[in-house]
C-alpha atoms as a PDB file:
ATOM      1  CA  MET A   1     145.625  66.761 113.103  1.00  0.00           C
ATOM      2  CA  LYS A   2     145.864  65.499 109.506  1.00  0.00           C
ATOM      3  CA  SER A   3     144.467  62.152 110.659  1.00  0.00           C
ATOM      4  CA  ASN A   4     141.338  64.033 112.117  1.00  0.00           C
ATOM      5  CA  PHE A   5     141.024  66.058 108.962  1.00  0.00           C
ATOM      6  CA  LYS A   6     140.967  62.818 106.929  1.00  0.00           C
ATOM      7  CA  PHE A   7     138.494  61.221 109.213  1.00  0.00           C
ATOM      8  CA  LEU A   8     136.200  64.214 108.962  1.00  0.00           C
ATOM      9  CA  ALA A   9     136.363  64.253 105.160  1.00  0.00           C
ATOM     10  CA  ILE A  10     135.561  60.646 105.009  1.00  0.00           C
ATOM     11  CA  ILE A  11     132.664  61.144 107.381  1.00  0.00           C
ATOM     12  CA  ALA A  12     131.345  64.099 105.053  1.00  0.00           C
ATOM     13  CA  PHE A  13     131.901  62.133 101.946  1.00  0.00           C
ATOM     14  CA  VAL A  14     129.829  59.176 103.267  1.00  0.00           C
ATOM     15  CA  GLY A  15     127.164  61.714 104.392  1.00  0.00           C
ATOM     16  CA  LEU A  16     127.009  63.312 100.915  1.00  0.00           C
ATOM     17  CA  LEU A  17     126.739  59.915  99.441  1.00  0.00           C
ATOM     18  CA  PHE A  18     124.021  58.829 101.655  1.00  0.00           C
ATOM     19  CA  LEU A  19     122.030  61.968 100.946  1.00  0.00           C
ATOM     20  CA  SER A  20     122.590  61.574  97.087  1.00  0.00           C
ATOM     21  CA  CYS A  21     121.355  58.013  97.196  1.00  0.00           C
ATOM     22  CA  GLU A  22     118.321  59.121  99.244  1.00  0.00           C
ATOM     23  CA  LYS A  23     117.487  61.861  96.871  1.00  0.00           C
ATOM     24  CA  ASP A  24     117.816  59.524  93.937  1.00  0.00           C
ATOM     25  CA  GLU A  25     115.572  57.031  95.669  1.00  0.00           C
ATOM     26  CA  SER A  26     112.905  59.731  96.368  1.00  0.00           C
ATOM     27  CA  THR A  27     112.852  61.021  92.846  1.00  0.00           C
ATOM     28  CA  ALA A  28     112.685  57.592  91.172  1.00  0.00           C
ATOM     29  CA  PRO A  29     109.283  57.345  89.172  1.00  0.00           C
ATOM     30  CA  ASN A  30     106.571  55.189  90.769  1.00  0.00           C
ATOM     31  CA  ALA A  31     105.202  52.059  89.284  1.00  0.00           C
ATOM     32  CA  PRO A  32     102.228  52.701  86.919  1.00  0.00           C
ATOM     33  CA  THR A  33      98.694  52.704  88.174  1.00  0.00           C
ATOM     34  CA  ILE A  34      95.666  51.342  86.350  1.00  0.00           C
ATOM     35  CA  SER A  35      92.119  52.816  87.266  1.00  0.00           C
ATOM     36  CA  GLY A  36      88.544  52.592  85.538  1.00  0.00           C
ATOM     37  CA  PHE A  37      89.301  49.098  84.063  1.00  0.00           C
ATOM     38  CA  GLU A  38      86.100  48.210  82.346  1.00  0.00           C
ATOM     39  CA  TYR A  39      84.998  45.536  79.861  1.00  0.00           C
ATOM     40  CA  GLY A  40      81.772  44.166  78.314  1.00  0.00           C
ATOM     41  CA  GLU A  41      79.821  43.743  75.185  1.00  0.00           C
ATOM     42  CA  GLY A  42      81.469  45.645  72.204  1.00  0.00           C
ATOM     43  CA  SER A  43      78.667  46.839  70.258  1.00  0.00           C
ATOM     44  CA  THR A  44      77.177  48.842  73.174  1.00  0.00           C
ATOM     45  CA  HIS A  45      80.275  49.594  75.108  1.00  0.00           C
ATOM     46  CA  SER A  46      78.537  48.026  77.974  1.00  0.00           C
ATOM     47  CA  THR A  47      80.357  47.985  81.335  1.00  0.00           C
ATOM     48  CA  GLU A  48      78.435  44.951  82.444  1.00  0.00           C
ATOM     49  CA  PRO A  49      81.083  42.175  82.401  1.00  0.00           C
ATOM     50  CA  ILE A  50      79.338  40.072  79.781  1.00  0.00           C
ATOM     51  CA  ALA A  51      80.385  39.298  76.071  1.00  0.00           C
ATOM     52  CA  TYR A  52      78.906  37.084  73.478  1.00  0.00           C
ATOM     53  CA  LYS A  53      80.378  34.293  71.338  1.00  0.00           C
ATOM     54  CA  GLY A  54      80.895  35.296  67.732  1.00  0.00           C
ATOM     55  CA  SER A  55      80.699  39.045  68.715  1.00  0.00           C
ATOM     56  CA  ASP A  56      83.464  41.539  70.102  1.00  0.00           C
ATOM     57  CA  MET A  57      84.351  42.665  73.578  1.00  0.00           C
ATOM     58  CA  HIS A  58      85.653  46.273  74.471  1.00  0.00           C
ATOM     59  CA  LEU A  59      88.157  46.928  77.031  1.00  0.00           C
ATOM     60  CA  GLU A  60      89.085  50.373  78.504  1.00  0.00           C
ATOM     61  CA  ALA A  61      91.298  51.655  81.243  1.00  0.00           C
ATOM     62  CA  THR A  62      93.253  54.885  82.461  1.00  0.00           C
ATOM     63  CA  ILE A  63      96.823  54.486  83.065  1.00  0.00           C
ATOM     64  CA  ASN A  64      98.879  56.840  85.087  1.00  0.00           C
ATOM     65  CA  ALA A  65     102.603  56.448  84.333  1.00  0.00           C
ATOM     66  CA  GLU A  66     105.301  58.704  85.593  1.00  0.00           C
ATOM     67  CA  ALA A  67     107.836  56.920  83.300  1.00  0.00           C
ATOM     68  CA  VAL A  68     107.034  56.098  79.726  1.00  0.00           C
ATOM     69  CA  VAL A  69     105.028  52.910  79.289  1.00  0.00           C
ATOM     70  CA  SER A  70     106.955  50.201  77.465  1.00  0.00           C
ATOM     71  CA  SER A  71     104.232  47.617  76.888  1.00  0.00           C
ATOM     72  CA  ILE A  72     100.516  46.700  77.891  1.00  0.00           C
ATOM     73  CA  THR A  73      99.594  43.076  77.751  1.00  0.00           C
ATOM     74  CA  LEU A  74      96.072  41.636  77.759  1.00  0.00           C
ATOM     75  CA  SER A  75      95.390  37.980  78.634  1.00  0.00           C
ATOM     76  CA  ILE A  76      92.109  36.060  78.760  1.00  0.00           C
ATOM     77  CA  HIS A  77      91.601  32.463  79.803  1.00  0.00           C
ATOM     78  CA  THR A  78      89.571  30.045  81.714  1.00  0.00           C
ATOM     79  CA  HIS A  79      90.273  27.202  84.169  1.00  0.00           C
ATOM     80  CA  ASP A  80      86.817  25.887  84.797  1.00  0.00           C
ATOM     81  CA  VAL A  81      85.185  25.598  81.322  1.00  0.00           C
ATOM     82  CA  SER A  82      85.597  22.540  79.171  1.00  0.00           C
ATOM     83  CA  PRO A  83      84.885  22.598  75.408  1.00  0.00           C
ATOM     84  CA  GLU A  84      82.072  20.449  74.169  1.00  0.00           C
ATOM     85  CA  GLU A  85      81.887  18.867  70.678  1.00  0.00           C
ATOM     86  CA  GLY A  86      82.596  21.453  68.130  1.00  0.00           C
ATOM     87  CA  GLU A  87      84.134  23.783  70.459  1.00  0.00           C
ATOM     88  CA  VAL A  88      87.802  24.803  71.182  1.00  0.00           C
ATOM     89  CA  SER A  89      89.605  26.222  74.149  1.00  0.00           C
ATOM     90  CA  TRP A  90      90.290  29.986  74.055  1.00  0.00           C
ATOM     91  CA  ASN A  91      93.528  31.588  75.526  1.00  0.00           C
ATOM     92  CA  TYR A  92      94.086  34.994  74.441  1.00  0.00           C
ATOM     93  CA  GLU A  93      97.004  37.075  74.877  1.00  0.00           C
ATOM     94  CA  GLN A  94      98.417  40.272  73.087  1.00  0.00           C
ATOM     95  CA  GLU A  95     100.991  42.715  73.998  1.00  0.00           C
ATOM     96  CA  PHE A  96     100.253  46.303  72.683  1.00  0.00           C
ATOM     97  CA  THR A  97     103.535  48.358  71.989  1.00  0.00           C
ATOM     98  CA  GLY A  98     102.252  50.982  69.540  1.00  0.00           C
ATOM     99  CA  ALA A  99     103.158  54.616  69.725  1.00  0.00           C
ATOM    100  CA  THR A 100      99.764  55.338  71.113  1.00  0.00           C
ATOM    101  CA  TYR A 101     100.635  53.266  74.252  1.00  0.00           C
ATOM    102  CA  GLN A 102     104.348  54.050  74.711  1.00  0.00           C
ATOM    103  CA  ALA A 103     103.786  57.214  76.192  1.00  0.00           C
ATOM    104  CA  ILE A 104     103.045  58.816  79.821  1.00  0.00           C
ATOM    105  CA  ASN A 105      99.558  58.429  81.022  1.00  0.00           C
ATOM    106  CA  PRO A 106      98.062  56.522  77.899  1.00  0.00           C
ATOM    107  CA  ASN A 107      94.441  55.601  77.659  1.00  0.00           C
ATOM    108  CA  PHE A 108      93.761  51.885  76.863  1.00  0.00           C
ATOM    109  CA  HIS A 109      90.800  51.213  74.706  1.00  0.00           C
ATOM    110  CA  GLU A 110      90.635  48.146  72.411  1.00  0.00           C
ATOM    111  CA  HIS A 111      88.084  45.810  70.910  1.00  0.00           C
ATOM    112  CA  ILE A 112      88.883  42.167  70.493  1.00  0.00           C
ATOM    113  CA  ASP A 113      86.862  39.394  68.792  1.00  0.00           C
ATOM    114  CA  VAL A 114      85.215  36.667  70.724  1.00  0.00           C
ATOM    115  CA  PRO A 115      85.261  33.396  68.838  1.00  0.00           C
ATOM    116  CA  ALA A 116      82.016  31.728  68.120  1.00  0.00           C
ATOM    117  CA  ASN A 117      83.322  28.203  68.710  1.00  0.00           C
ATOM    118  CA  ILE A 118      84.559  28.620  72.343  1.00  0.00           C
ATOM    119  CA  PRO A 119      82.637  27.433  75.507  1.00  0.00           C
ATOM    120  CA  ALA A 120      80.342  29.646  77.311  1.00  0.00           C
ATOM    121  CA  GLY A 121      81.265  30.396  80.877  1.00  0.00           C
ATOM    122  CA  GLU A 122      83.410  32.575  83.094  1.00  0.00           C
ATOM    123  CA  TYR A 123      86.850  33.867  81.801  1.00  0.00           C
ATOM    124  CA  HIS A 124      89.639  35.581  83.838  1.00  0.00           C
ATOM    125  CA  ILE A 125      90.876  38.882  82.449  1.00  0.00           C
ATOM    126  CA  GLU A 126      94.321  40.301  83.217  1.00  0.00           C
ATOM    127  CA  LEU A 127      95.756  43.653  82.113  1.00  0.00           C
ATOM    128  CA  ARG A 128      99.389  44.237  82.812  1.00  0.00           C
ATOM    129  CA  VAL A 129     101.289  47.509  82.295  1.00  0.00           C
ATOM    130  CA  THR A 130     105.158  47.731  82.193  1.00  0.00           C
ATOM    131  CA  ASP A 131     107.256  51.086  82.004  1.00  0.00           C
ATOM    132  CA  LYS A 132     110.667  51.565  80.410  1.00  0.00           C
ATOM    133  CA  LEU A 133     112.167  51.262  83.900  1.00  0.00           C
ATOM    134  CA  GLY A 134     110.725  47.779  84.238  1.00  0.00           C
ATOM    135  CA  ASN A 135     108.023  48.582  86.942  1.00  0.00           C
ATOM    136  CA  THR A 136     104.933  46.501  86.295  1.00  0.00           C
ATOM    137  CA  THR A 137     101.411  46.799  87.468  1.00  0.00           C
ATOM    138  CA  GLU A 138      98.450  44.525  86.914  1.00  0.00           C
ATOM    139  CA  VAL A 139      94.691  44.381  87.379  1.00  0.00           C
ATOM    140  CA  ASN A 140      92.309  41.243  87.167  1.00  0.00           C
ATOM    141  CA  GLY A 141      88.650  40.574  86.527  1.00  0.00           C
ATOM    142  CA  HIS A 142      86.142  38.184  85.288  1.00  0.00           C
ATOM    143  CA  ILE A 143      83.831  38.230  82.405  1.00  0.00           C
ATOM    144  CA  GLN A 144      80.909  35.904  81.346  1.00  0.00           C
ATOM    145  CA  VAL A 145      80.983  34.611  77.659  1.00  0.00           C
ATOM    146  CA  LEU A 146      77.492  33.745  76.707  1.00  0.00           C
ATOM    147  CA  ASP A 147      75.873  32.009  73.772  1.00  0.00           C
ATOM    148  CA  PRO A 148      74.096  34.687  71.465  1.00  0.00           C
ATOM    149  CA  ILE A 149      71.278  32.330  70.900  1.00  0.00           C
ATOM    150  CA  THR A 150      69.665  30.321  73.802  1.00  0.00           C
ATOM    151  CA  LEU A 151      66.923  27.839  73.615  1.00  0.00           C
ATOM    152  CA  ASP A 152      64.540  26.464  76.442  1.00  0.00           C
ATOM    153  CA  GLY A 153      60.907  25.336  77.107  1.00  0.00           C
ATOM    154  CA  PHE A 154      60.772  22.555  74.551  1.00  0.00           C
ATOM    155  CA  HIS A 155      57.455  20.909  74.000  1.00  0.00           C
ATOM    156  CA  ILE A 156      57.964  18.537  70.911  1.00  0.00           C
ATOM    157  CA  ASP A 157      55.660  15.717  70.226  1.00  0.00           C
ATOM    158  CA  HIS A 158      57.611  12.395  70.256  1.00  0.00           C
ATOM    159  CA  SER A 159      55.388  10.510  67.859  1.00  0.00           C
ATOM    160  CA  VAL A 160      52.722  11.279  65.360  1.00  0.00           C
ATOM    161  CA  VAL A 161      50.229   9.073  63.346  1.00  0.00           C
ATOM    162  CA  ARG A 162      50.875   9.545  59.651  1.00  0.00           C
ATOM    163  CA  GLY A 163      48.342  11.576  57.953  1.00  0.00           C
ATOM    164  CA  LYS A 164      48.180  13.913  61.017  1.00  0.00           C
ATOM    165  CA  ASP A 165      50.263  16.718  62.240  1.00  0.00           C
ATOM    166  CA  PHE A 166      52.514  17.211  65.184  1.00  0.00           C
ATOM    167  CA  HIS A 167      53.394  20.450  66.966  1.00  0.00           C
ATOM    168  CA  ALA A 168      56.903  21.765  67.987  1.00  0.00           C
ATOM    169  CA  GLU A 169      57.316  24.412  70.442  1.00  0.00           C
ATOM    170  CA  PHE A 170      60.213  26.188  72.341  1.00  0.00           C
ATOM    171  CA  ASN A 171      61.418  29.589  73.495  1.00  0.00           C
ATOM    172  CA  ILE A 172      64.377  31.562  71.808  1.00  0.00           C
ATOM    173  CA  ASN A 173      66.529  34.257  73.219  1.00  0.00           C
ATOM    174  CA  ALA A 174      68.459  35.851  70.440  1.00  0.00           C
ATOM    175  CA  VAL A 175      70.406  38.921  71.742  1.00  0.00           C
ATOM    176  CA  HIS A 176      71.395  40.205  68.052  1.00  0.00           C
ATOM    177  CA  GLY A 177      67.937  39.536  66.573  1.00  0.00           C
ATOM    178  CA  LEU A 178      66.914  36.317  64.742  1.00  0.00           C
ATOM    179  CA  HIS A 179      67.432  35.910  60.894  1.00  0.00           C
ATOM    180  CA  ASN A 180      65.683  32.619  60.520  1.00  0.00           C
ATOM    181  CA  ILE A 181      65.018  29.097  61.596  1.00  0.00           C
ATOM    182  CA  ALA A 182      65.499  26.126  59.397  1.00  0.00           C
ATOM    183  CA  LEU A 183      63.828  22.743  59.970  1.00  0.00           C
ATOM    184  CA  ASP A 184      64.982  19.640  58.422  1.00  0.00           C
ATOM    185  CA  ILE A 185      63.249  16.305  59.178  1.00  0.00           C
ATOM    186  CA  HIS A 186      64.675  13.158  57.444  1.00  0.00           C
ATOM    187  CA  ALA A 187      65.014   9.377  58.039  1.00  0.00           C
ATOM    188  CA  HIS A 188      67.758   6.915  57.428  1.00  0.00           C
ATOM    189  CA  GLU A 189      67.339   3.264  56.371  1.00  0.00           C
ATOM    190  CA  ILE A 190      63.541   3.287  56.150  1.00  0.00           C
ATOM    191  CA  THR A 191      62.496   1.554  53.013  1.00  0.00           C
ATOM    192  CA  PRO A 192      58.999   2.511  51.751  1.00  0.00           C
ATOM    193  CA  ALA A 193      56.575  -0.338  51.444  1.00  0.00           C
ATOM    194  CA  GLU A 194      54.036  -0.754  48.852  1.00  0.00           C
ATOM    195  CA  GLY A 195      51.618   2.300  48.730  1.00  0.00           C
ATOM    196  CA  GLU A 196      54.338   4.560  50.668  1.00  0.00           C
ATOM    197  CA  GLU A 197      56.409   7.254  49.580  1.00  0.00           C
ATOM    198  CA  GLU A 198      59.777   8.427  51.087  1.00  0.00           C
ATOM    199  CA  TRP A 199      59.086  11.472  53.006  1.00  0.00           C
ATOM    200  CA  ALA A 200      61.611  14.399  54.115  1.00  0.00           C
ATOM    201  CA  PHE A 201      60.603  17.872  55.221  1.00  0.00           C
ATOM    202  CA  LYS A 202      62.699  20.984  54.838  1.00  0.00           C
ATOM    203  CA  LYS A 203      61.330  24.566  55.636  1.00  0.00           C
ATOM    204  CA  VAL A 204      62.844  27.928  56.615  1.00  0.00           C
ATOM    205  CA  TYR A 205      60.865  30.114  58.863  1.00  0.00           C
ATOM    206  CA  ASP A 206      62.095  33.757  58.342  1.00  0.00           C
ATOM    207  CA  THR A 207      59.273  36.331  57.933  1.00  0.00           C
ATOM    208  CA  LYS A 208      57.360  35.573  61.039  1.00  0.00           C
ATOM    209  CA  TYR A 209      60.427  35.481  63.501  1.00  0.00           C
ATOM    210  CA  HIS A 210      62.817  37.672  61.624  1.00  0.00           C
ATOM    211  CA  GLU A 211      64.827  40.318  63.706  1.00  0.00           C
ATOM    212  CA  LYS A 212      62.997  39.393  66.866  1.00  0.00           C
ATOM    213  CA  THR A 213      65.101  38.750  70.109  1.00  0.00           C
ATOM    214  CA  GLN A 214      62.442  37.119  72.281  1.00  0.00           C
ATOM    215  CA  ILE A 215      60.594  34.508  70.295  1.00  0.00           C
ATOM    216  CA  GLU A 216      58.122  31.528  70.996  1.00  0.00           C
ATOM    217  CA  PHE A 217      58.577  29.327  68.134  1.00  0.00           C
ATOM    218  CA  HIS A 218      55.200  27.212  67.609  1.00  0.00           C
ATOM    219  CA  GLU A 219      54.563  25.395  64.518  1.00  0.00           C
ATOM    220  CA  HIS A 220      52.420  22.420  63.436  1.00  0.00           C
ATOM    221  CA  ILE A 221      53.930  20.139  60.800  1.00  0.00           C
ATOM    222  CA  ASP A 222      51.770  17.942  58.520  1.00  0.00           C
ATOM    223  CA  VAL A 223      52.946  14.267  57.826  1.00  0.00           C
ATOM    224  CA  PRO A 224      51.614  12.792  54.701  1.00  0.00           C
ATOM    225  CA  ALA A 225      49.574   9.529  55.031  1.00  0.00           C
ATOM    226  CA  THR A 226      51.925   7.925  52.639  1.00  0.00           C
ATOM    227  CA  ALA A 227      55.199   8.419  54.780  1.00  0.00           C
ATOM    228  CA  PRO A 228      56.902   5.271  55.830  1.00  0.00           C
ATOM    229  CA  ALA A 229      56.659   4.602  59.640  1.00  0.00           C
ATOM    230  CA  GLY A 230      59.737   4.623  61.656  1.00  0.00           C
ATOM    231  CA  GLU A 231      62.147   6.905  63.396  1.00  0.00           C
ATOM    232  CA  TYR A 232      62.939  10.369  61.730  1.00  0.00           C
ATOM    233  CA  HIS A 233      65.814  12.770  62.755  1.00  0.00           C
ATOM    234  CA  MET A 234      64.819  16.447  63.224  1.00  0.00           C
ATOM    235  CA  VAL A 235      67.319  19.347  63.188  1.00  0.00           C
ATOM    236  CA  PHE A 236      66.454  23.009  63.980  1.00  0.00           C
ATOM    237  CA  THR A 237      69.055  25.396  62.838  1.00  0.00           C
ATOM    238  CA  LEU A 238      68.841  28.866  64.038  1.00  0.00           C
ATOM    239  CA  GLU A 239      70.884  31.803  62.693  1.00  0.00           C
ATOM    240  CA  ASP A 240      70.944  35.380  64.166  1.00  0.00           C
ATOM    241  CA  GLU A 241      71.534  38.724  62.231  1.00  0.00           C
ATOM    242  CA  ASN A 242      75.289  38.413  62.974  1.00  0.00           C
ATOM    243  CA  GLY A 243      75.605  35.004  61.347  1.00  0.00           C
ATOM    244  CA  ASN A 244      75.811  33.155  64.412  1.00  0.00           C
ATOM    245  CA  THR A 245      73.925  29.699  64.529  1.00  0.00           C
ATOM    246  CA  LYS A 246      72.622  27.226  67.009  1.00  0.00           C
ATOM    247  CA  GLU A 247      71.434  23.816  66.471  1.00  0.00           C
ATOM    248  CA  TYR A 248      68.860  21.584  68.372  1.00  0.00           C
ATOM    249  CA  GLU A 249      68.320  17.987  67.408  1.00  0.00           C
ATOM    250  CA  THR A 250      65.742  15.496  68.409  1.00  0.00           C
ATOM    251  CA  HIS A 251      63.765  12.601  66.890  1.00  0.00           C
ATOM    252  CA  ILE A 252      60.062  11.786  66.224  1.00  0.00           C
ATOM    253  CA  THR A 253      58.653   8.459  65.654  1.00  0.00           C
ATOM    254  CA  ILE A 254      55.900   8.254  62.787  1.00  0.00           C
ATOM    255  CA  THR A 255      53.400   5.378  63.239  1.00  0.00           C
ATOM    256  CA  LYS A 256      50.812   3.789  61.133  1.00  0.00           C
ATOM    257  CA  GLN A 257      47.941   4.087  63.640  1.00  0.00           C
END
């Protein structure tokens, strides 16, 4: 009789333990969820996945968390873009642990700077949320990082007879508005002969193109009749209203006839 009672008691205990564990499992908080993840140009809070070098990017998401959030980690990187001369690789990662985010159901909203000297191209974005219980959720996306100043449609004379002029023409897209265009023409290792004078040309074009975003640059440059013949280096430096710059280099040959 006592043996039966002990056996029944053990069965009852195991059953209560199973029900208790099942209850604990059913009431354990779920992992956080992330919805409405958007990102784009910071100045306009655009949801189009585009950002510009030398500007900022805005990111926003709604986080539903049954347990208090411990940290939010944002990472941005690229695999398929290689830096060119004057550029550096960009791998961004930041953990946000401030009181604003260490809460239940926080809203994520941040602006981060996009360096001006990184390669343009497609970048991978990852947002990861971890709660106090160690549950982790992440979402991924892609964003195109673009140059704020782009140039195309070049039509520039390759040679000019001294005493005449040559023309330079190209199209400019400056998303933040153009501040000015500086032109520098100079030669190296050309010694003026008798009756010739060393020639270099520098000019800043501002009033005509200032603050415009879609521009057709079209100018004629006079070459003095006394300029020494030879090859000259030509550099166009464009600056936008945010201080971003873009250079285009080419050469022109000055001939005697």
